[in-house]
Structures are given as C-alpha cells and as structure tokens.
C-alpha cells in the first residue's frame, strides 16, 4: 500500500486538501501536527530541510515530494 506523511497544522486548509487528494488516490495518510510538540517540528525540519517554513510538507512512500502543488504534479505524472 502507498503511504503518505503530511506535516502540517490543525488550521491548514491545504493540509486537509492534500489528505483528501491522497486518500482519493489510495494512499494511507498519516498527519503529523507540528504544533503539538517541538519533536514533530524538528522531525519535519530533518526530513525537508531547515529552510522550509510552510505547510503542508508531504512525504510519499518515504520520499520527500514537497507541498500541495508538488504532490499534485507528482500524482498527475
């Protein structure tokens, strides 16, 4: 099964849209709220790079893809 990890926040509309898109494509989605603990934020920074300050940040099958726009392009290849 394809898996997706979405690093985001509870009020992020693009995070919710990404979740809907990925689930419609058959992905099992794990959402991580980066505001719930410093560890979650630090984990996101390790995966995506220290200069990223926007959400969502999305990993598909252990590969960092990017934000919503990049994921949409990736899925429509």
PDB file of N, CA and C in Angstrom:
ATOM      1  N   UNK A   1       0.840  -1.190   0.000  1.00  0.00           N
ATOM      2  CA  UNK A   1       0.000   0.000   0.000  1.00  0.00           C
ATOM      3  C   UNK A   1       0.877   1.243   0.000  1.00  0.00           C
ATOM      4  N   UNK A   2       0.442   2.251  -0.728  1.00  0.00           N
ATOM      5  CA  UNK A   2       1.143   3.530  -0.731  1.00  0.00           C
ATOM      6  C   UNK A   2       0.858   4.277   0.567  1.00  0.00           C
ATOM      7  N   UNK A   3       1.900   4.915   1.087  1.00  0.00           N
ATOM      8  CA  UNK A   3       1.746   5.674   2.326  1.00  0.00           C
ATOM      9  C   UNK A   3       2.158   7.121   2.115  1.00  0.00           C
ATOM     10  N   UNK A   4       1.536   7.992   2.897  1.00  0.00           N
ATOM     11  CA  UNK A   4       1.857   9.417   2.842  1.00  0.00           C
ATOM     12  C   UNK A   4       1.927   9.954   4.261  1.00  0.00           C
ATOM     13  N   UNK A   5       2.909  10.811   4.497  1.00  0.00           N
ATOM     14  CA  UNK A   5       3.006  11.541   5.754  1.00  0.00           C
ATOM     15  C   UNK A   5       2.853  13.013   5.429  1.00  0.00           C
ATOM     16  N   UNK A   6       1.921  13.658   6.112  1.00  0.00           N
ATOM     17  CA  UNK A   6       1.687  15.089   5.926  1.00  0.00           C
ATOM     18  C   UNK A   6       2.064  15.804   7.211  1.00  0.00           C
ATOM     19  N   UNK A   7       3.094  16.637   7.138  1.00  0.00           N
ATOM     20  CA  UNK A   7       3.431  17.517   8.256  1.00  0.00           C
ATOM     21  C   UNK A   7       2.619  18.787   8.072  1.00  0.00           C
ATOM     22  N   UNK A   8       1.846  19.152   9.092  1.00  0.00           N
ATOM     23  CA  UNK A   8       1.001  20.325   8.963  1.00  0.00           C
ATOM     24  C   UNK A   8       0.541  20.859  10.301  1.00  0.00           C
ATOM     25  N   UNK A   9      -0.507  21.678  10.235  1.00  0.00           N
ATOM     26  CA  UNK A   9      -1.103  22.272  11.429  1.00  0.00           C
ATOM     27  C   UNK A   9      -2.613  22.036  11.387  1.00  0.00           C
ATOM     28  N   UNK A  10      -3.277  22.130  12.530  1.00  0.00           N
ATOM     29  CA  UNK A  10      -4.719  21.871  12.558  1.00  0.00           C
ATOM     30  C   UNK A  10      -5.553  22.845  11.728  1.00  0.00           C
ATOM     31  N   UNK A  11      -5.056  24.052  11.497  1.00  0.00           N
ATOM     32  CA  UNK A  11      -5.829  25.059  10.762  1.00  0.00           C
ATOM     33  C   UNK A  11      -5.416  25.193   9.298  1.00  0.00           C
ATOM     34  N   UNK A  12      -4.612  24.282   8.813  1.00  0.00           N
ATOM     35  CA  UNK A  12      -4.069  24.351   7.452  1.00  0.00           C
ATOM     36  C   UNK A  12      -5.044  23.732   6.449  1.00  0.00           C
ATOM     37  N   UNK A  13      -5.695  24.585   5.653  1.00  0.00           N
ATOM     38  CA  UNK A  13      -6.650  24.096   4.648  1.00  0.00           C
ATOM     39  C   UNK A  13      -5.963  23.263   3.575  1.00  0.00           C
ATOM     40  N   UNK A  14      -4.746  23.633   3.179  1.00  0.00           N
ATOM     41  CA  UNK A  14      -4.022  22.878   2.155  1.00  0.00           C
ATOM     42  C   UNK A  14      -3.625  21.500   2.666  1.00  0.00           C
ATOM     43  N   UNK A  15      -3.422  21.378   3.967  1.00  0.00           N
ATOM     44  CA  UNK A  15      -3.137  20.065   4.561  1.00  0.00           C
ATOM     45  C   UNK A  15      -4.352  19.153   4.397  1.00  0.00           C
ATOM     46  N   UNK A  16      -5.533  19.693   4.665  1.00  0.00           N
ATOM     47  CA  UNK A  16      -6.767  18.920   4.510  1.00  0.00           C
ATOM     48  C   UNK A  16      -7.005  18.552   3.048  1.00  0.00           C
ATOM     49  N   UNK A  17      -6.740  19.485   2.138  1.00  0.00           N
ATOM     50  CA  UNK A  17      -6.898  19.195   0.710  1.00  0.00           C
ATOM     51  C   UNK A  17      -5.926  18.110   0.269  1.00  0.00           C
ATOM     52  N   UNK A  18      -4.697  18.172   0.777  1.00  0.00           N
ATOM     53  CA  UNK A  18      -3.704  17.148   0.445  1.00  0.00           C
ATOM     54  C   UNK A  18      -4.156  15.783   0.952  1.00  0.00           C
ATOM     55  N   UNK A  19      -4.684  15.751   2.168  1.00  0.00           N
ATOM     56  CA  UNK A  19      -5.175  14.489   2.719  1.00  0.00           C
ATOM     57  C   UNK A  19      -6.291  13.925   1.844  1.00  0.00           C
ATOM     58  N   UNK A  20      -7.243  14.754   1.446  1.00  0.00           N
ATOM     59  CA  UNK A  20      -8.344  14.303   0.588  1.00  0.00           C
ATOM     60  C   UNK A  20      -7.827  13.781  -0.748  1.00  0.00           C
ATOM     61  N   UNK A  21      -6.898  14.516  -1.356  1.00  0.00           N
ATOM     62  CA  UNK A  21      -6.330  14.109  -2.642  1.00  0.00           C
ATOM     63  C   UNK A  21      -5.626  12.764  -2.523  1.00  0.00           C
ATOM     64  N   UNK A  22      -4.789  12.635  -1.509  1.00  0.00           N
ATOM     65  CA  UNK A  22      -4.017  11.403  -1.350  1.00  0.00           C
ATOM     66  C   UNK A  22      -4.914  10.209  -1.041  1.00  0.00           C
ATOM     67  N   UNK A  23      -5.905  10.408  -0.199  1.00  0.00           N
ATOM     68  CA  UNK A  23      -6.830   9.311   0.093  1.00  0.00           C
ATOM     69  C   UNK A  23      -7.613   8.907  -1.150  1.00  0.00           C
ATOM     70  N   UNK A  24      -7.947   9.876  -2.006  1.00  0.00           N
ATOM     71  CA  UNK A  24      -8.673   9.554  -3.240  1.00  0.00           C
ATOM     72  C   UNK A  24      -7.807   8.756  -4.208  1.00  0.00           C
ATOM     73  N   UNK A  25      -6.488   8.853  -4.041  1.00  0.00           N
ATOM     74  CA  UNK A  25      -5.549   8.098  -4.878  1.00  0.00           C
ATOM     75  C   UNK A  25      -5.123   6.789  -4.213  1.00  0.00           C
ATOM     76  N   UNK A  26      -5.735   6.471  -3.068  1.00  0.00           N
ATOM     77  CA  UNK A  26      -5.469   5.193  -2.416  1.00  0.00           C
ATOM     78  C   UNK A  26      -4.335   5.190  -1.413  1.00  0.00           C
ATOM     79  N   UNK A  27      -3.853   6.346  -1.023  1.00  0.00           N
ATOM     80  CA  UNK A  27      -2.768   6.423  -0.044  1.00  0.00           C
ATOM     81  C   UNK A  27      -3.311   6.286   1.375  1.00  0.00           C
ATOM     82  N   UNK A  28      -2.541   5.607   2.212  1.00  0.00           N
ATOM     83  CA  UNK A  28      -2.800   5.600   3.647  1.00  0.00           C
ATOM     84  C   UNK A  28      -2.086   6.822   4.209  1.00  0.00           C
ATOM     85  N   UNK A  29      -2.829   7.742   4.813  1.00  0.00           N
ATOM     86  CA  UNK A  29      -2.290   9.045   5.211  1.00  0.00           C
ATOM     87  C   UNK A  29      -2.067   9.113   6.718  1.00  0.00           C
ATOM     88  N   UNK A  30      -0.881   9.593   7.092  1.00  0.00           N
ATOM     89  CA  UNK A  30      -0.540   9.872   8.481  1.00  0.00           C
ATOM     90  C   UNK A  30      -0.285  11.369   8.594  1.00  0.00           C
ATOM     91  N   UNK A  31      -1.158  12.072   9.319  1.00  0.00           N
ATOM     92  CA  UNK A  31      -0.978  13.515   9.509  1.00  0.00           C
ATOM     93  C   UNK A  31      -0.241  13.759  10.822  1.00  0.00           C
ATOM     94  N   UNK A  32       0.759  14.620  10.762  1.00  0.00           N
ATOM     95  CA  UNK A  32       1.529  14.975  11.949  1.00  0.00           C
ATOM     96  C   UNK A  32       1.385  16.468  12.195  1.00  0.00           C
ATOM     97  N   UNK A  33       0.854  16.811  13.350  1.00  0.00           N
ATOM     98  CA  UNK A  33       0.654  18.202  13.753  1.00  0.00           C
ATOM     99  C   UNK A  33       1.966  18.739  14.318  1.00  0.00           C
ATOM    100  N   UNK A  34       2.617  19.629  13.569  1.00  0.00           N
ATOM    101  CA  UNK A  34       3.920  20.141  14.011  1.00  0.00           C
ATOM    102  C   UNK A  34       3.800  21.128  15.157  1.00  0.00           C
ATOM    103  N   UNK A  35       2.572  21.545  15.484  1.00  0.00           N
ATOM    104  CA  UNK A  35       2.394  22.464  16.611  1.00  0.00           C
ATOM    105  C   UNK A  35       2.163  21.722  17.927  1.00  0.00           C
ATOM    106  N   UNK A  36       1.987  20.407  17.861  1.00  0.00           N
ATOM    107  CA  UNK A  36       1.671  19.657  19.077  1.00  0.00           C
ATOM    108  C   UNK A  36       2.900  19.338  19.915  1.00  0.00           C
ATOM    109  N   UNK A  37       4.077  19.337  19.280  1.00  0.00           N
ATOM    110  CA  UNK A  37       5.308  19.115  20.047  1.00  0.00           C
ATOM    111  C   UNK A  37       6.507  19.615  19.247  1.00  0.00           C
ATOM    112  N   UNK A  38       7.508  20.036  19.951  1.00  0.00           N
ATOM    113  CA  UNK A  38       8.742  20.510  19.306  1.00  0.00           C
ATOM    114  C   UNK A  38       9.391  19.379  18.517  1.00  0.00           C
ATOM    115  N   UNK A  39       9.266  18.153  19.013  1.00  0.00           N
ATOM    116  CA  UNK A  39       9.852  17.000  18.328  1.00  0.00           C
ATOM    117  C   UNK A  39       9.265  16.844  16.926  1.00  0.00           C
ATOM    118  N   UNK A  40       7.952  17.013  16.783  1.00  0.00           N
ATOM    119  CA  UNK A  40       7.342  16.885  15.455  1.00  0.00           C
ATOM    120  C   UNK A  40       7.881  17.947  14.499  1.00  0.00           C
ATOM    121  N   UNK A  41       8.030  19.168  14.988  1.00  0.00           N
ATOM    122  CA  UNK A  41       8.587  20.244  14.159  1.00  0.00           C
ATOM    123  C   UNK A  41      10.029  19.921  13.779  1.00  0.00           C
ATOM    124  N   UNK A  42      10.822  19.490  14.752  1.00  0.00           N
ATOM    125  CA  UNK A  42      12.220  19.140  14.482  1.00  0.00           C
ATOM    126  C   UNK A  42      12.325  17.980  13.500  1.00  0.00           C
ATOM    127  N   UNK A  43      11.450  16.985  13.641  1.00  0.00           N
ATOM    128  CA  UNK A  43      11.443  15.857  12.703  1.00  0.00           C
ATOM    129  C   UNK A  43      11.167  16.332  11.283  1.00  0.00           C
ATOM    130  N   UNK A  44      10.207  17.253  11.128  1.00  0.00           N
ATOM    131  CA  UNK A  44       9.911  17.791   9.803  1.00  0.00           C
ATOM    132  C   UNK A  44      11.139  18.492   9.231  1.00  0.00           C
ATOM    133  N   UNK A  45      11.805  19.293  10.041  1.00  0.00           N
ATOM    134  CA  UNK A  45      12.981  20.022   9.575  1.00  0.00           C
ATOM    135  C   UNK A  45      14.086  19.070   9.121  1.00  0.00           C
ATOM    136  N   UNK A  46      14.256  17.956   9.811  1.00  0.00           N
ATOM    137  CA  UNK A  46      15.272  16.968   9.423  1.00  0.00           C
ATOM    138  C   UNK A  46      14.956  16.368   8.063  1.00  0.00           C
ATOM    139  N   UNK A  47      13.678  16.119   7.809  1.00  0.00           N
ATOM    140  CA  UNK A  47      13.264  15.474   6.563  1.00  0.00           C
ATOM    141  C   UNK A  47      13.282  16.445   5.387  1.00  0.00           C
ATOM    142  N   UNK A  48      12.760  17.651   5.578  1.00  0.00           N
ATOM    143  CA  UNK A  48      12.561  18.558   4.450  1.00  0.00           C
ATOM    144  C   UNK A  48      13.610  19.653   4.339  1.00  0.00           C
ATOM    145  N   UNK A  49      14.378  19.877   5.374  1.00  0.00           N
ATOM    146  CA  UNK A  49      15.393  20.928   5.342  1.00  0.00           C
ATOM    147  C   UNK A  49      15.025  22.074   6.261  1.00  0.00           C
ATOM    148  N   UNK A  50      16.023  22.711   6.802  1.00  0.00           N
ATOM    149  CA  UNK A  50      15.810  23.754   7.802  1.00  0.00           C
ATOM    150  C   UNK A  50      15.215  25.038   7.254  1.00  0.00           C
ATOM    151  N   UNK A  51      15.224  25.233   5.945  1.00  0.00           N
ATOM    152  CA  UNK A  51      14.732  26.488   5.385  1.00  0.00           C
ATOM    153  C   UNK A  51      13.244  26.464   5.062  1.00  0.00           C
ATOM    154  N   UNK A  52      12.594  25.331   5.238  1.00  0.00           N
ATOM    155  CA  UNK A  52      11.179  25.212   4.918  1.00  0.00           C
ATOM    156  C   UNK A  52      10.349  25.716   6.092  1.00  0.00           C
ATOM    157  N   UNK A  53       9.455  26.658   5.802  1.00  0.00           N
ATOM    158  CA  UNK A  53       8.632  27.263   6.849  1.00  0.00           C
ATOM    159  C   UNK A  53       7.138  27.179   6.551  1.00  0.00           C
ATOM    160  N   UNK A  54       6.764  26.447   5.510  1.00  0.00           N
ATOM    161  CA  UNK A  54       5.353  26.363   5.131  1.00  0.00           C
ATOM    162  C   UNK A  54       4.843  24.930   5.273  1.00  0.00           C
ATOM    163  N   UNK A  55       3.538  24.820   5.411  1.00  0.00           N
ATOM    164  CA  UNK A  55       2.902  23.510   5.433  1.00  0.00           C
ATOM    165  C   UNK A  55       1.762  23.518   4.420  1.00  0.00           C
ATOM    166  N   UNK A  56       1.426  22.376   3.884  1.00  0.00           N
ATOM    167  CA  UNK A  56       1.909  21.059   4.258  1.00  0.00           C
ATOM    168  C   UNK A  56       3.265  20.743   3.642  1.00  0.00           C
ATOM    169  N   UNK A  57       3.973  19.830   4.272  1.00  0.00           N
ATOM    170  CA  UNK A  57       5.158  19.207   3.710  1.00  0.00           C
ATOM    171  C   UNK A  57       4.854  17.717   3.687  1.00  0.00           C
ATOM    172  N   UNK A  58       5.052  17.106   2.514  1.00  0.00           N
ATOM    173  CA  UNK A  58       4.499  15.769   2.297  1.00  0.00           C
ATOM    174  C   UNK A  58       5.568  14.786   1.836  1.00  0.00           C
ATOM    175  N   UNK A  59       5.541  13.613   2.456  1.00  0.00           N
ATOM    176  CA  UNK A  59       6.422  12.503   2.108  1.00  0.00           C
ATOM    177  C   UNK A  59       5.540  11.391   1.554  1.00  0.00           C
ATOM    178  N   UNK A  60       5.884  10.894   0.371  1.00  0.00           N
ATOM    179  CA  UNK A  60       5.152   9.781  -0.238  1.00  0.00           C
ATOM    180  C   UNK A  60       6.066   8.571  -0.309  1.00  0.00           C
ATOM    181  N   UNK A  61       5.654   7.490   0.316  1.00  0.00           N
ATOM    182  CA  UNK A  61       6.447   6.254   0.306  1.00  0.00           C
ATOM    183  C   UNK A  61       7.905   6.521   0.662  1.00  0.00           C
ATOM    184  N   UNK A  62       8.128   7.264   1.726  1.00  0.00           N
ATOM    185  CA  UNK A  62       9.465   7.587   2.247  1.00  0.00           C
ATOM    186  C   UNK A  62      10.273   8.521   1.352  1.00  0.00           C
ATOM    187  N   UNK A  63       9.636   9.172   0.380  1.00  0.00           N
ATOM    188  CA  UNK A  63      10.323  10.132  -0.490  1.00  0.00           C
ATOM    189  C   UNK A  63       9.706  11.511  -0.283  1.00  0.00           C
ATOM    190  N   UNK A  64      10.538  12.489   0.062  1.00  0.00           N
ATOM    191  CA  UNK A  64      10.043  13.854   0.231  1.00  0.00           C
ATOM    192  C   UNK A  64       9.662  14.423  -1.128  1.00  0.00           C
ATOM    193  N   UNK A  65       8.411  14.885  -1.249  1.00  0.00           N
ATOM    194  CA  UNK A  65       7.924  15.423  -2.519  1.00  0.00           C
ATOM    195  C   UNK A  65       7.766  16.935  -2.456  1.00  0.00           C
ATOM    196  N   UNK A  66       7.258  17.475  -1.357  1.00  0.00           N
ATOM    197  CA  UNK A  66       7.096  18.921  -1.230  1.00  0.00           C
ATOM    198  C   UNK A  66       5.744  19.282  -0.658  1.00  0.00           C
ATOM    199  N   UNK A  67       5.220  20.425  -1.109  1.00  0.00           N
ATOM    200  CA  UNK A  67       3.920  20.910  -0.652  1.00  0.00           C
ATOM    201  C   UNK A  67       2.793  20.388  -1.521  1.00  0.00           C
ATOM    202  N   UNK A  68       1.626  20.993  -1.373  1.00  0.00           N
ATOM    203  CA  UNK A  68       0.443  20.522  -2.092  1.00  0.00           C
ATOM    204  C   UNK A  68       0.652  20.553  -3.606  1.00  0.00           C
ATOM    205  N   UNK A  69       1.153  21.662  -4.136  1.00  0.00           N
ATOM    206  CA  UNK A  69       1.342  21.790  -5.582  1.00  0.00           C
ATOM    207  C   UNK A  69       2.281  20.743  -6.145  1.00  0.00           C
ATOM    208  N   UNK A  70       3.374  20.488  -5.451  1.00  0.00           N
ATOM    209  CA  UNK A  70       4.333  19.484  -5.914  1.00  0.00           C
ATOM    210  C   UNK A  70       3.725  18.087  -5.876  1.00  0.00           C
ATOM    211  N   UNK A  71       2.945  17.811  -4.846  1.00  0.00           N
ATOM    212  CA  UNK A  71       2.299  16.497  -4.742  1.00  0.00           C
ATOM    213  C   UNK A  71       1.264  16.323  -5.846  1.00  0.00           C
ATOM    214  N   UNK A  72       0.501  17.367  -6.114  1.00  0.00           N
ATOM    215  CA  UNK A  72      -0.492  17.300  -7.186  1.00  0.00           C
ATOM    216  C   UNK A  72       0.189  17.005  -8.522  1.00  0.00           C
ATOM    217  N   UNK A  73       1.296  17.685  -8.807  1.00  0.00           N
ATOM    218  CA  UNK A  73       2.048  17.428 -10.043  1.00  0.00           C
ATOM    219  C   UNK A  73       2.589  16.006 -10.064  1.00  0.00           C
ATOM    220  N   UNK A  74       3.145  15.561  -8.958  1.00  0.00           N
ATOM    221  CA  UNK A  74       3.722  14.220  -8.850  1.00  0.00           C
ATOM    222  C   UNK A  74       2.665  13.150  -9.137  1.00  0.00           C
ATOM    223  N   UNK A  75       1.484  13.322  -8.584  1.00  0.00           N
ATOM    224  CA  UNK A  75       0.426  12.327  -8.761  1.00  0.00           C
ATOM    225  C   UNK A  75      -0.167  12.347 -10.161  1.00  0.00           C
ATOM    226  N   UNK A  76      -0.053  13.461 -10.862  1.00  0.00           N
ATOM    227  CA  UNK A  76      -0.626  13.577 -12.203  1.00  0.00           C
ATOM    228  C   UNK A  76       0.380  13.316 -13.309  1.00  0.00           C
ATOM    229  N   UNK A  77       1.543  12.781 -12.970  1.00  0.00           N
ATOM    230  CA  UNK A  77       2.543  12.451 -13.994  1.00  0.00           C
ATOM    231  C   UNK A  77       2.039  11.347 -14.881  1.00  0.00           C
TER     232      UNK A  77
END
